[in-house]
Every structure is written in C-alpha cells, then in structure tokens.
Amino acid sequence: MLLRRMLGRDHEVVVVQEAPAALQLLAGDDGFDVVLCDVMLPGMSGTELLAALKARYTALADRIVFLTGGAFSAEARAALATATNPVLEKPFDRARLRAIVQEHVARRRS
C-alpha cells in the first residue's frame, strides 16, 4: 500500500500480494510499464516470478524492479547477481524509486 501512496498520484498502480497472482495478472498483458516485485514472497519468490516471465513473456521480465530488505536465500542472491533488473534495498529512497519508474515509463512510451 505504501507504493500505491507513493506512486498512485502519477501512475495507475495495481497491487497483488503473491507472485502466482502477479503471474496470472501479467500473463499476456503487455500494458504494464514496470513491475515492482519484492524478492521474498509467499508461495513463489520474486526471482522465481522473474524466471517464469523470462520463459513466457520476455518483454515483461525486463520490466521487473526488485525491492528487497536484504534478507533472502542464497538461491535468491545468486539469481539477483545474474539478473540485469534493478534492485532497490529497503528502506529505499523515494526519489530513486520514482526515477526508476519514470525511466521505465519513458522507455515504453518512446
């Protein structure tokens, strides 16, 4: 909900609580400019979501921005090390978050 408050004035924000729900929402929908995703999620990690998107919807995989508190598994750490997606450490800088979102939006609109 914090992200909705921070970004909702300037952007349409859709919130889901679990990676499988996000995957279902994103499935075949090319309308999302950026996907903000926590690394640690119930049921399926953010890095597993990234892998699923890479396998099915490559363009959406490039739009993921990870948010993390830094406490994650060795597997997630290895996945983040090889991913080219931006990673914002919590507590993240609001200006940096807004800049990353704007960068993704501008890239999609150009």
PDB file of N, CA and C in Angstrom:
ATOM      1  N   MET A   1       0.813  -1.187   0.000  1.00  0.00           N
ATOM      2  CA  MET A   1       0.000   0.000   0.000  1.00  0.00           C
ATOM      3  C   MET A   1       0.866   1.265   0.000  1.00  0.00           C
ATOM      4  N   LEU A   2       2.061   1.158   0.579  1.00  0.00           N
ATOM      5  CA  LEU A   2       2.981   2.291   0.574  1.00  0.00           C
ATOM      6  C   LEU A   2       3.322   2.688  -0.858  1.00  0.00           C
ATOM      7  N   LEU A   3       3.568   1.705  -1.704  1.00  0.00           N
ATOM      8  CA  LEU A   3       3.888   2.009  -3.101  1.00  0.00           C
ATOM      9  C   LEU A   3       2.713   2.687  -3.795  1.00  0.00           C
ATOM     10  N   ARG A   4       1.513   2.263  -3.492  1.00  0.00           N
ATOM     11  CA  ARG A   4       0.326   2.904  -4.073  1.00  0.00           C
ATOM     12  C   ARG A   4       0.252   4.364  -3.654  1.00  0.00           C
ATOM     13  N   ARG A   5       0.533   4.628  -2.381  1.00  0.00           N
ATOM     14  CA  ARG A   5       0.502   6.021  -1.903  1.00  0.00           C
ATOM     15  C   ARG A   5       1.607   6.846  -2.551  1.00  0.00           C
ATOM     16  N   MET A   6       2.784   6.244  -2.707  1.00  0.00           N
ATOM     17  CA  MET A   6       3.925   6.975  -3.267  1.00  0.00           C
ATOM     18  C   MET A   6       3.767   7.252  -4.756  1.00  0.00           C
ATOM     19  N   LEU A   7       3.173   6.320  -5.483  1.00  0.00           N
ATOM     20  CA  LEU A   7       3.146   6.422  -6.940  1.00  0.00           C
ATOM     21  C   LEU A   7       1.759   6.660  -7.523  1.00  0.00           C
ATOM     22  N   GLY A   8       0.725   6.451  -6.733  1.00  0.00           N
ATOM     23  CA  GLY A   8      -0.646   6.481  -7.239  1.00  0.00           C
ATOM     24  C   GLY A   8      -1.122   7.807  -7.791  1.00  0.00           C
ATOM     25  N   ARG A   9      -0.537   8.894  -7.365  1.00  0.00           N
ATOM     26  CA  ARG A   9      -0.949  10.205  -7.862  1.00  0.00           C
ATOM     27  C   ARG A   9      -0.575  10.372  -9.339  1.00  0.00           C
ATOM     28  N   ASP A  10       0.548   9.789  -9.734  1.00  0.00           N
ATOM     29  CA  ASP A  10       1.055   9.965 -11.095  1.00  0.00           C
ATOM     30  C   ASP A  10       0.918   8.735 -11.978  1.00  0.00           C
ATOM     31  N   HIS A  11       0.610   7.592 -11.373  1.00  0.00           N
ATOM     32  CA  HIS A  11       0.580   6.338 -12.126  1.00  0.00           C
ATOM     33  C   HIS A  11      -0.581   5.480 -11.671  1.00  0.00           C
ATOM     34  N   GLU A  12      -1.060   4.637 -12.567  1.00  0.00           N
ATOM     35  CA  GLU A  12      -2.037   3.631 -12.170  1.00  0.00           C
ATOM     36  C   GLU A  12      -1.261   2.505 -11.509  1.00  0.00           C
ATOM     37  N   VAL A  13      -1.620   2.172 -10.278  1.00  0.00           N
ATOM     38  CA  VAL A  13      -0.904   1.159  -9.510  1.00  0.00           C
ATOM     39  C   VAL A  13      -1.846  -0.002  -9.231  1.00  0.00           C
ATOM     40  N   VAL A  14      -1.418  -1.199  -9.605  1.00  0.00           N
ATOM     41  CA  VAL A  14      -2.165  -2.421  -9.339  1.00  0.00           C
ATOM     42  C   VAL A  14      -1.352  -3.211  -8.324  1.00  0.00           C
ATOM     43  N   VAL A  15      -1.987  -3.626  -7.229  1.00  0.00           N
ATOM     44  CA  VAL A  15      -1.283  -4.335  -6.167  1.00  0.00           C
ATOM     45  C   VAL A  15      -1.801  -5.761  -6.070  1.00  0.00           C
ATOM     46  N   VAL A  16      -0.874  -6.715  -6.044  1.00  0.00           N
ATOM     47  CA  VAL A  16      -1.193  -8.102  -5.710  1.00  0.00           C
ATOM     48  C   VAL A  16      -0.229  -8.540  -4.617  1.00  0.00           C
ATOM     49  N   GLN A  17      -0.635  -9.519  -3.833  1.00  0.00           N
ATOM     50  CA  GLN A  17       0.132  -9.913  -2.657  1.00  0.00           C
ATOM     51  C   GLN A  17       1.044 -11.120  -2.876  1.00  0.00           C
ATOM     52  N   GLU A  18       0.816 -11.897  -3.940  1.00  0.00           N
ATOM     53  CA  GLU A  18       1.586 -13.120  -4.153  1.00  0.00           C
ATOM     54  C   GLU A  18       2.026 -13.230  -5.597  1.00  0.00           C
ATOM     55  N   ALA A  19       3.179 -13.843  -5.807  1.00  0.00           N
ATOM     56  CA  ALA A  19       3.748 -13.989  -7.153  1.00  0.00           C
ATOM     57  C   ALA A  19       2.837 -14.770  -8.104  1.00  0.00           C
ATOM     58  N   PRO A  20       2.192 -15.877  -7.678  1.00  0.00           N
ATOM     59  CA  PRO A  20       1.303 -16.567  -8.620  1.00  0.00           C
ATOM     60  C   PRO A  20       0.158 -15.671  -9.118  1.00  0.00           C
ATOM     61  N   ALA A  21      -0.368 -14.830  -8.237  1.00  0.00           N
ATOM     62  CA  ALA A  21      -1.419 -13.889  -8.649  1.00  0.00           C
ATOM     63  C   ALA A  21      -0.857 -12.866  -9.622  1.00  0.00           C
ATOM     64  N   ALA A  22       0.365 -12.423  -9.389  1.00  0.00           N
ATOM     65  CA  ALA A  22       1.013 -11.481 -10.308  1.00  0.00           C
ATOM     66  C   ALA A  22       1.234 -12.129 -11.661  1.00  0.00           C
ATOM     67  N   LEU A  23       1.694 -13.363 -11.654  1.00  0.00           N
ATOM     68  CA  LEU A  23       1.930 -14.076 -12.909  1.00  0.00           C
ATOM     69  C   LEU A  23       0.633 -14.217 -13.699  1.00  0.00           C
ATOM     70  N   GLN A  24      -0.437 -14.535 -13.015  1.00  0.00           N
ATOM     71  CA  GLN A  24      -1.737 -14.649 -13.687  1.00  0.00           C
ATOM     72  C   GLN A  24      -2.172 -13.294 -14.250  1.00  0.00           C
ATOM     73  N   LEU A  25      -1.985 -12.230 -13.502  1.00  0.00           N
ATOM     74  CA  LEU A  25      -2.356 -10.891 -13.945  1.00  0.00           C
ATOM     75  C   LEU A  25      -1.514 -10.455 -15.146  1.00  0.00           C
ATOM     76  N   LEU A  26      -0.237 -10.756 -15.091  1.00  0.00           N
ATOM     77  CA  LEU A  26       0.688 -10.327 -16.141  1.00  0.00           C
ATOM     78  C   LEU A  26       0.603 -11.185 -17.402  1.00  0.00           C
ATOM     79  N   ALA A  27       0.071 -12.378 -17.278  1.00  0.00           N
ATOM     80  CA  ALA A  27       0.041 -13.333 -18.382  1.00  0.00           C
ATOM     81  C   ALA A  27      -0.558 -12.704 -19.647  1.00  0.00           C
ATOM     82  N   GLY A  28       0.298 -12.458 -20.583  1.00  0.00           N
ATOM     83  CA  GLY A  28      -0.140 -11.946 -21.872  1.00  0.00           C
ATOM     84  C   GLY A  28      -0.549 -10.487 -21.884  1.00  0.00           C
ATOM     85  N   ASP A  29      -0.443  -9.790 -20.760  1.00  0.00           N
ATOM     86  CA  ASP A  29      -0.837  -8.382 -20.705  1.00  0.00           C
ATOM     87  C   ASP A  29       0.405  -7.516 -20.856  1.00  0.00           C
ATOM     88  N   ASP A  30       0.533  -6.885 -21.981  1.00  0.00           N
ATOM     89  CA  ASP A  30       1.713  -6.065 -22.263  1.00  0.00           C
ATOM     90  C   ASP A  30       1.519  -4.622 -21.812  1.00  0.00           C
ATOM     91  N   GLY A  31       0.480  -4.350 -21.050  1.00  0.00           N
ATOM     92  CA  GLY A  31       0.158  -2.978 -20.684  1.00  0.00           C
ATOM     93  C   GLY A  31       0.910  -2.426 -19.486  1.00  0.00           C
ATOM     94  N   PHE A  32       1.669  -3.255 -18.786  1.00  0.00           N
ATOM     95  CA  PHE A  32       2.378  -2.786 -17.606  1.00  0.00           C
ATOM     96  C   PHE A  32       3.727  -2.192 -17.997  1.00  0.00           C
ATOM     97  N   ASP A  33       3.983  -0.966 -17.555  1.00  0.00           N
ATOM     98  CA  ASP A  33       5.252  -0.294 -17.852  1.00  0.00           C
ATOM     99  C   ASP A  33       6.375  -0.803 -16.963  1.00  0.00           C
ATOM    100  N   VAL A  34       6.048  -1.101 -15.709  1.00  0.00           N
ATOM    101  CA  VAL A  34       7.045  -1.551 -14.743  1.00  0.00           C
ATOM    102  C   VAL A  34       6.349  -2.479 -13.747  1.00  0.00           C
ATOM    103  N   VAL A  35       7.093  -3.461 -13.256  1.00  0.00           N
ATOM    104  CA  VAL A  35       6.578  -4.396 -12.259  1.00  0.00           C
ATOM    105  C   VAL A  35       7.508  -4.307 -11.048  1.00  0.00           C
ATOM    106  N   LEU A  36       6.993  -3.770  -9.948  1.00  0.00           N
ATOM    107  CA  LEU A  36       7.760  -3.682  -8.713  1.00  0.00           C
ATOM    108  C   LEU A  36       7.496  -4.957  -7.930  1.00  0.00           C
ATOM    109  N   CYS A  37       8.549  -5.678  -7.601  1.00  0.00           N
ATOM    110  CA  CYS A  37       8.387  -7.008  -7.029  1.00  0.00           C
ATOM    111  C   CYS A  37       9.340  -7.218  -5.863  1.00  0.00           C
ATOM    112  N   ASP A  38       8.792  -7.627  -4.748  1.00  0.00           N
ATOM    113  CA  ASP A  38       9.631  -7.983  -3.612  1.00  0.00           C
ATOM    114  C   ASP A  38      10.359  -9.279  -3.937  1.00  0.00           C
ATOM    115  N   VAL A  39      11.538  -9.460  -3.407  1.00  0.00           N
ATOM    116  CA  VAL A  39      12.290 -10.691  -3.632  1.00  0.00           C
ATOM    117  C   VAL A  39      11.656 -11.843  -2.863  1.00  0.00           C
ATOM    118  N   MET A  40      11.278 -11.604  -1.619  1.00  0.00           N
ATOM    119  CA  MET A  40      10.696 -12.642  -0.784  1.00  0.00           C
ATOM    120  C   MET A  40       9.176 -12.505  -0.771  1.00  0.00           C
ATOM    121  N   LEU A  41       8.521 -13.498  -1.346  1.00  0.00           N
ATOM    122  CA  LEU A  41       7.066 -13.527  -1.412  1.00  0.00           C
ATOM    123  C   LEU A  41       6.582 -14.908  -0.989  1.00  0.00           C
ATOM    124  N   PRO A  42       5.353 -15.013  -0.490  1.00  0.00           N
ATOM    125  CA  PRO A  42       4.834 -16.334  -0.130  1.00  0.00           C
ATOM    126  C   PRO A  42       4.517 -17.166  -1.375  1.00  0.00           C
ATOM    127  N   GLY A  43       4.853 -18.425  -1.338  1.00  0.00           N
ATOM    128  CA  GLY A  43       4.481 -19.340  -2.416  1.00  0.00           C
ATOM    129  C   GLY A  43       5.443 -19.399  -3.585  1.00  0.00           C
ATOM    130  N   MET A  44       5.953 -18.282  -4.001  1.00  0.00           N
ATOM    131  CA  MET A  44       6.867 -18.196  -5.141  1.00  0.00           C
ATOM    132  C   MET A  44       7.682 -16.920  -4.936  1.00  0.00           C
ATOM    133  N   SER A  45       8.991 -17.039  -5.011  1.00  0.00           N
ATOM    134  CA  SER A  45       9.824 -15.856  -4.779  1.00  0.00           C
ATOM    135  C   SER A  45       9.775 -14.919  -5.981  1.00  0.00           C
ATOM    136  N   GLY A  46      10.236 -13.719  -5.759  1.00  0.00           N
ATOM    137  CA  GLY A  46      10.313 -12.752  -6.853  1.00  0.00           C
ATOM    138  C   GLY A  46      11.241 -13.218  -7.960  1.00  0.00           C
ATOM    139  N   THR A  47      12.327 -13.894  -7.585  1.00  0.00           N
ATOM    140  CA  THR A  47      13.246 -14.394  -8.614  1.00  0.00           C
ATOM    141  C   THR A  47      12.629 -15.554  -9.394  1.00  0.00           C
ATOM    142  N   GLU A  48      11.779 -16.338  -8.741  1.00  0.00           N
ATOM    143  CA  GLU A  48      11.046 -17.392  -9.456  1.00  0.00           C
ATOM    144  C   GLU A  48      10.023 -16.773 -10.413  1.00  0.00           C
ATOM    145  N   LEU A  49       9.399 -15.686  -9.993  1.00  0.00           N
ATOM    146  CA  LEU A  49       8.486 -14.960 -10.876  1.00  0.00           C
ATOM    147  C   LEU A  49       9.250 -14.453 -12.094  1.00  0.00           C
ATOM    148  N   LEU A  50      10.427 -13.902 -11.877  1.00  0.00           N
ATOM    149  CA  LEU A  50      11.251 -13.432 -12.991  1.00  0.00           C
ATOM    150  C   LEU A  50      11.554 -14.569 -13.957  1.00  0.00           C
ATOM    151  N   ALA A  51      11.930 -15.722 -13.434  1.00  0.00           N
ATOM    152  CA  ALA A  51      12.236 -16.874 -14.291  1.00  0.00           C
ATOM    153  C   ALA A  51      11.006 -17.303 -15.093  1.00  0.00           C
ATOM    154  N   ALA A  52       9.839 -17.297 -14.458  1.00  0.00           N
ATOM    155  CA  ALA A  52       8.604 -17.663 -15.158  1.00  0.00           C
ATOM    156  C   ALA A  52       8.288 -16.666 -16.261  1.00  0.00           C
ATOM    157  N   LEU A  53       8.485 -15.386 -15.992  1.00  0.00           N
ATOM    158  CA  LEU A  53       8.233 -14.368 -17.013  1.00  0.00           C
ATOM    159  C   LEU A  53       9.239 -14.475 -18.157  1.00  0.00           C
ATOM    160  N   LYS A  54      10.497 -14.753 -17.828  1.00  0.00           N
ATOM    161  CA  LYS A  54      11.503 -14.911 -18.884  1.00  0.00           C
ATOM    162  C   LYS A  54      11.144 -16.062 -19.808  1.00  0.00           C
ATOM    163  N   ALA A  55      10.593 -17.120 -19.242  1.00  0.00           N
ATOM    164  CA  ALA A  55      10.234 -18.299 -20.035  1.00  0.00           C
ATOM    165  C   ALA A  55       9.022 -18.047 -20.926  1.00  0.00           C
ATOM    166  N   ARG A  56       8.127 -17.163 -20.481  1.00  0.00           N
ATOM    167  CA  ARG A  56       6.862 -16.977 -21.213  1.00  0.00           C
ATOM    168  C   ARG A  56       6.690 -15.602 -21.839  1.00  0.00           C
ATOM    169  N   TYR A  57       7.124 -14.566 -21.140  1.00  0.00           N
ATOM    170  CA  TYR A  57       6.854 -13.191 -21.560  1.00  0.00           C
ATOM    171  C   TYR A  57       8.118 -12.345 -21.369  1.00  0.00           C
ATOM    172  N   THR A  58       9.058 -12.509 -22.252  1.00  0.00           N
ATOM    173  CA  THR A  58      10.373 -11.897 -22.112  1.00  0.00           C
ATOM    174  C   THR A  58      10.296 -10.388 -21.900  1.00  0.00           C
ATOM    175  N   ALA A  59       9.448  -9.712 -22.635  1.00  0.00           N
ATOM    176  CA  ALA A  59       9.365  -8.257 -22.527  1.00  0.00           C
ATOM    177  C   ALA A  59       8.971  -7.828 -21.118  1.00  0.00           C
ATOM    178  N   LEU A  60       8.070  -8.556 -20.488  1.00  0.00           N
ATOM    179  CA  LEU A  60       7.668  -8.218 -19.121  1.00  0.00           C
ATOM    180  C   LEU A  60       8.785  -8.489 -18.122  1.00  0.00           C
ATOM    181  N   ALA A  61       9.573  -9.511 -18.359  1.00  0.00           N
ATOM    182  CA  ALA A  61      10.679  -9.829 -17.450  1.00  0.00           C
ATOM    183  C   ALA A  61      11.656  -8.661 -17.358  1.00  0.00           C
ATOM    184  N   ASP A  62      11.832  -7.955 -18.451  1.00  0.00           N
ATOM    185  CA  ASP A  62      12.744  -6.808 -18.464  1.00  0.00           C
ATOM    186  C   ASP A  62      12.206  -5.616 -17.684  1.00  0.00           C
ATOM    187  N   ARG A  63      10.944  -5.644 -17.329  1.00  0.00           N
ATOM    188  CA  ARG A  63      10.316  -4.526 -16.619  1.00  0.00           C
ATOM    189  C   ARG A  63      10.264  -4.718 -15.107  1.00  0.00           C
ATOM    190  N   ILE A  64      10.772  -5.831 -14.617  1.00  0.00           N
ATOM    191  CA  ILE A  64      10.756  -6.073 -13.170  1.00  0.00           C
ATOM    192  C   ILE A  64      11.828  -5.243 -12.483  1.00  0.00           C
ATOM    193  N   VAL A  65      11.430  -4.620 -11.393  1.00  0.00           N
ATOM    194  CA  VAL A  65      12.343  -3.930 -10.489  1.00  0.00           C
ATOM    195  C   VAL A  65      12.151  -4.603  -9.135  1.00  0.00           C
ATOM    196  N   PHE A  66      13.229  -5.136  -8.587  1.00  0.00           N
ATOM    197  CA  PHE A  66      13.144  -5.842  -7.312  1.00  0.00           C
ATOM    198  C   PHE A  66      13.275  -4.887  -6.144  1.00  0.00           C
ATOM    199  N   LEU A  67      12.484  -5.160  -5.107  1.00  0.00           N
ATOM    200  CA  LEU A  67      12.558  -4.461  -3.836  1.00  0.00           C
ATOM    201  C   LEU A  67      12.955  -5.506  -2.803  1.00  0.00           C
ATOM    202  N   THR A  68      13.925  -5.205  -1.970  1.00  0.00           N
ATOM    203  CA  THR A  68      14.372  -6.196  -1.010  1.00  0.00           C
ATOM    204  C   THR A  68      14.843  -5.560   0.285  1.00  0.00           C
ATOM    205  N   GLY A  69      14.619  -6.298   1.349  1.00  0.00           N
ATOM    206  CA  GLY A  69      15.129  -5.895   2.643  1.00  0.00           C
ATOM    207  C   GLY A  69      16.500  -6.486   2.908  1.00  0.00           C
ATOM    208  N   GLY A  70      17.015  -7.233   1.950  1.00  0.00           N
ATOM    209  CA  GLY A  70      18.347  -7.805   2.059  1.00  0.00           C
ATOM    210  C   GLY A  70      18.392  -9.176   2.692  1.00  0.00           C
ATOM    211  N   ALA A  71      17.331  -9.615   3.338  1.00  0.00           N
ATOM    212  CA  ALA A  71      17.300 -10.934   3.961  1.00  0.00           C
ATOM    213  C   ALA A  71      16.645 -11.919   3.005  1.00  0.00           C
ATOM    214  N   PHE A  72      17.478 -12.618   2.241  1.00  0.00           N
ATOM    215  CA  PHE A  72      16.934 -13.599   1.313  1.00  0.00           C
ATOM    216  C   PHE A  72      17.887 -14.772   1.180  1.00  0.00           C
ATOM    217  N   SER A  73      17.419 -15.820   0.539  1.00  0.00           N
ATOM    218  CA  SER A  73      18.174 -17.059   0.447  1.00  0.00           C
ATOM    219  C   SER A  73      19.390 -16.938  -0.464  1.00  0.00           C
ATOM    220  N   ALA A  74      20.280 -17.913  -0.350  1.00  0.00           N
ATOM    221  CA  ALA A  74      21.454 -17.960  -1.224  1.00  0.00           C
ATOM    222  C   ALA A  74      21.016 -18.103  -2.677  1.00  0.00           C
ATOM    223  N   GLU A  75      19.947 -18.851  -2.900  1.00  0.00           N
ATOM    224  CA  GLU A  75      19.411 -19.026  -4.260  1.00  0.00           C
ATOM    225  C   GLU A  75      18.939 -17.692  -4.835  1.00  0.00           C
ATOM    226  N   ALA A  76      18.224 -16.919  -4.027  1.00  0.00           N
ATOM    227  CA  ALA A  76      17.757 -15.609  -4.481  1.00  0.00           C
ATOM    228  C   ALA A  76      18.934 -14.672  -4.719  1.00  0.00           C
ATOM    229  N   ARG A  77      19.933 -14.732  -3.849  1.00  0.00           N
ATOM    230  CA  ARG A  77      21.121 -13.898  -4.002  1.00  0.00           C
ATOM    231  C   ARG A  77      21.820 -14.208  -5.330  1.00  0.00           C
ATOM    232  N   ALA A  78      21.934 -15.488  -5.663  1.00  0.00           N
ATOM    233  CA  ALA A  78      22.571 -15.895  -6.918  1.00  0.00           C
ATOM    234  C   ALA A  78      21.747 -15.432  -8.117  1.00  0.00           C
ATOM    235  N   ALA A  79      20.428 -15.547  -8.023  1.00  0.00           N
ATOM    236  CA  ALA A  79      19.555 -15.105  -9.115  1.00  0.00           C
ATOM    237  C   ALA A  79      19.659 -13.604  -9.325  1.00  0.00           C
ATOM    238  N   LEU A  80      19.715 -12.843  -8.249  1.00  0.00           N
ATOM    239  CA  LEU A  80      19.836 -11.395  -8.367  1.00  0.00           C
ATOM    240  C   LEU A  80      21.193 -10.997  -8.945  1.00  0.00           C
ATOM    241  N   ALA A  81      22.217 -11.771  -8.624  1.00  0.00           N
ATOM    242  CA  ALA A  81      23.558 -11.464  -9.126  1.00  0.00           C
ATOM    243  C   ALA A  81      23.643 -11.603 -10.639  1.00  0.00           C
ATOM    244  N   THR A  82      22.847 -12.494 -11.207  1.00  0.00           N
ATOM    245  CA  THR A  82      22.891 -12.700 -12.660  1.00  0.00           C
ATOM    246  C   THR A  82      21.818 -11.906 -13.397  1.00  0.00           C
ATOM    247  N   ALA A  83      20.830 -11.406 -12.680  1.00  0.00           N
ATOM    248  CA  ALA A  83      19.750 -10.638 -13.318  1.00  0.00           C
ATOM    249  C   ALA A  83      20.237  -9.229 -13.646  1.00  0.00           C
ATOM    250  N   THR A  84      19.693  -8.680 -14.695  1.00  0.00           N
ATOM    251  CA  THR A  84      20.029  -7.302 -15.069  1.00  0.00           C
ATOM    252  C   THR A  84      18.991  -6.310 -14.535  1.00  0.00           C
ATOM    253  N   ASN A  85      18.001  -6.813 -13.842  1.00  0.00           N
ATOM    254  CA  ASN A  85      16.943  -5.972 -13.302  1.00  0.00           C
ATOM    255  C   ASN A  85      17.455  -5.108 -12.152  1.00  0.00           C
ATOM    256  N   PRO A  86      16.951  -3.879 -12.049  1.00  0.00           N
ATOM    257  CA  PRO A  86      17.337  -3.023 -10.920  1.00  0.00           C
ATOM    258  C   PRO A  86      16.876  -3.627  -9.593  1.00  0.00           C
ATOM    259  N   VAL A  87      17.626  -3.359  -8.544  1.00  0.00           N
ATOM    260  CA  VAL A  87      17.292  -3.813  -7.196  1.00  0.00           C
ATOM    261  C   VAL A  87      17.344  -2.599  -6.273  1.00  0.00           C
ATOM    262  N   LEU A  88      16.248  -2.359  -5.579  1.00  0.00           N
ATOM    263  CA  LEU A  88      16.184  -1.276  -4.590  1.00  0.00           C
ATOM    264  C   LEU A  88      16.156  -1.896  -3.204  1.00  0.00           C
ATOM    265  N   GLU A  89      17.111  -1.529  -2.375  1.00  0.00           N
ATOM    266  CA  GLU A  89      17.176  -2.028  -0.998  1.00  0.00           C
ATOM    267  C   GLU A  89      16.215  -1.239  -0.117  1.00  0.00           C
ATOM    268  N   LYS A  90      15.482  -1.955   0.731  1.00  0.00           N
ATOM    269  CA  LYS A  90      14.607  -1.306   1.708  1.00  0.00           C
ATOM    270  C   LYS A  90      15.434  -0.875   2.903  1.00  0.00           C
ATOM    271  N   PRO A  91      15.160   0.232   3.518  1.00  0.00           N
ATOM    272  CA  PRO A  91      14.196   1.220   3.044  1.00  0.00           C
ATOM    273  C   PRO A  91      14.773   1.945   1.830  1.00  0.00           C
ATOM    274  N   PHE A  92      14.006   1.998   0.781  1.00  0.00           N
ATOM    275  CA  PHE A  92      14.504   2.587  -0.459  1.00  0.00           C
ATOM    276  C   PHE A  92      14.241   4.083  -0.500  1.00  0.00           C
ATOM    277  N   ASP A  93      15.059   4.738  -1.272  1.00  0.00           N
ATOM    278  CA  ASP A  93      14.956   6.170  -1.466  1.00  0.00           C
ATOM    279  C   ASP A  93      13.774   6.455  -2.402  1.00  0.00           C
ATOM    280  N   ARG A  94      12.845   7.251  -1.942  1.00  0.00           N
ATOM    281  CA  ARG A  94      11.640   7.527  -2.735  1.00  0.00           C
ATOM    282  C   ARG A  94      11.957   8.183  -4.078  1.00  0.00           C
ATOM    283  N   ALA A  95      12.918   9.091  -4.074  1.00  0.00           N
ATOM    284  CA  ALA A  95      13.287   9.756  -5.323  1.00  0.00           C
ATOM    285  C   ALA A  95      13.864   8.749  -6.316  1.00  0.00           C
ATOM    286  N   ARG A  96      14.663   7.825  -5.814  1.00  0.00           N
ATOM    287  CA  ARG A  96      15.244   6.781  -6.690  1.00  0.00           C
ATOM    288  C   ARG A  96      14.144   5.887  -7.246  1.00  0.00           C
ATOM    289  N   LEU A  97      13.179   5.511  -6.414  1.00  0.00           N
ATOM    290  CA  LEU A  97      12.053   4.700  -6.876  1.00  0.00           C
ATOM    291  C   LEU A  97      11.293   5.429  -7.972  1.00  0.00           C
ATOM    292  N   ARG A  98      10.968   6.682  -7.734  1.00  0.00           N
ATOM    293  CA  ARG A  98      10.230   7.454  -8.740  1.00  0.00           C
ATOM    294  C   ARG A  98      11.032   7.580 -10.035  1.00  0.00           C
ATOM    295  N   ALA A  99      12.335   7.775  -9.924  1.00  0.00           N
ATOM    296  CA  ALA A  99      13.181   7.903 -11.109  1.00  0.00           C
ATOM    297  C   ALA A  99      13.193   6.598 -11.916  1.00  0.00           C
ATOM    298  N   ILE A 100      13.277   5.474 -11.238  1.00  0.00           N
ATOM    299  CA  ILE A 100      13.276   4.182 -11.938  1.00  0.00           C
ATOM    300  C   ILE A 100      11.933   3.957 -12.627  1.00  0.00           C
ATOM    301  N   VAL A 101      10.844   4.268 -11.937  1.00  0.00           N
ATOM    302  CA  VAL A 101       9.516   4.106 -12.545  1.00  0.00           C
ATOM    303  C   VAL A 101       9.397   5.011 -13.765  1.00  0.00           C
ATOM    304  N   GLN A 102       9.798   6.266 -13.638  1.00  0.00           N
ATOM    305  CA  GLN A 102       9.728   7.196 -14.768  1.00  0.00           C
ATOM    306  C   GLN A 102      10.577   6.714 -15.941  1.00  0.00           C
ATOM    307  N   GLU A 103      11.741   6.168 -15.653  1.00  0.00           N
ATOM    308  CA  GLU A 103      12.623   5.641 -16.696  1.00  0.00           C
ATOM    309  C   GLU A 103      11.938   4.504 -17.456  1.00  0.00           C
ATOM    310  N   HIS A 104      11.286   3.604 -16.746  1.00  0.00           N
ATOM    311  CA  HIS A 104      10.573   2.506 -17.403  1.00  0.00           C
ATOM    312  C   HIS A 104       9.394   3.017 -18.231  1.00  0.00           C
ATOM    313  N   VAL A 105       8.648   3.966 -17.659  1.00  0.00           N
ATOM    314  CA  VAL A 105       7.511   4.530 -18.394  1.00  0.00           C
ATOM    315  C   VAL A 105       7.983   5.215 -19.656  1.00  0.00           C
ATOM    316  N   ALA A 106       9.027   6.028 -19.561  1.00  0.00           N
ATOM    317  CA  ALA A 106       9.546   6.737 -20.720  1.00  0.00           C
ATOM    318  C   ALA A 106      10.051   5.771 -21.776  1.00  0.00           C
ATOM    319  N   ARG A 107      10.705   4.710 -21.356  1.00  0.00           N
ATOM    320  CA  ARG A 107      11.218   3.709 -22.304  1.00  0.00           C
ATOM    321  C   ARG A 107      10.064   3.051 -23.073  1.00  0.00           C
ATOM    322  N   ARG A 108       8.983   2.759 -22.369  1.00  0.00           N
ATOM    323  CA  ARG A 108       7.823   2.116 -23.020  1.00  0.00           C
ATOM    324  C   ARG A 108       7.091   3.079 -23.951  1.00  0.00           C
ATOM    325  N   ARG A 109       7.108   4.363 -23.637  1.00  0.00           N
ATOM    326  CA  ARG A 109       6.363   5.340 -24.429  1.00  0.00           C
ATOM    327  C   ARG A 109       7.140   5.839 -25.633  1.00  0.00           C
ATOM    328  N   SER A 110       8.447   5.537 -25.689  1.00  0.00           N
ATOM    329  CA  SER A 110       9.249   6.043 -26.814  1.00  0.00           C
ATOM    330  C   SER A 110       9.271   5.066 -27.972  1.00  0.00           C
TER     331      SER A 110
END
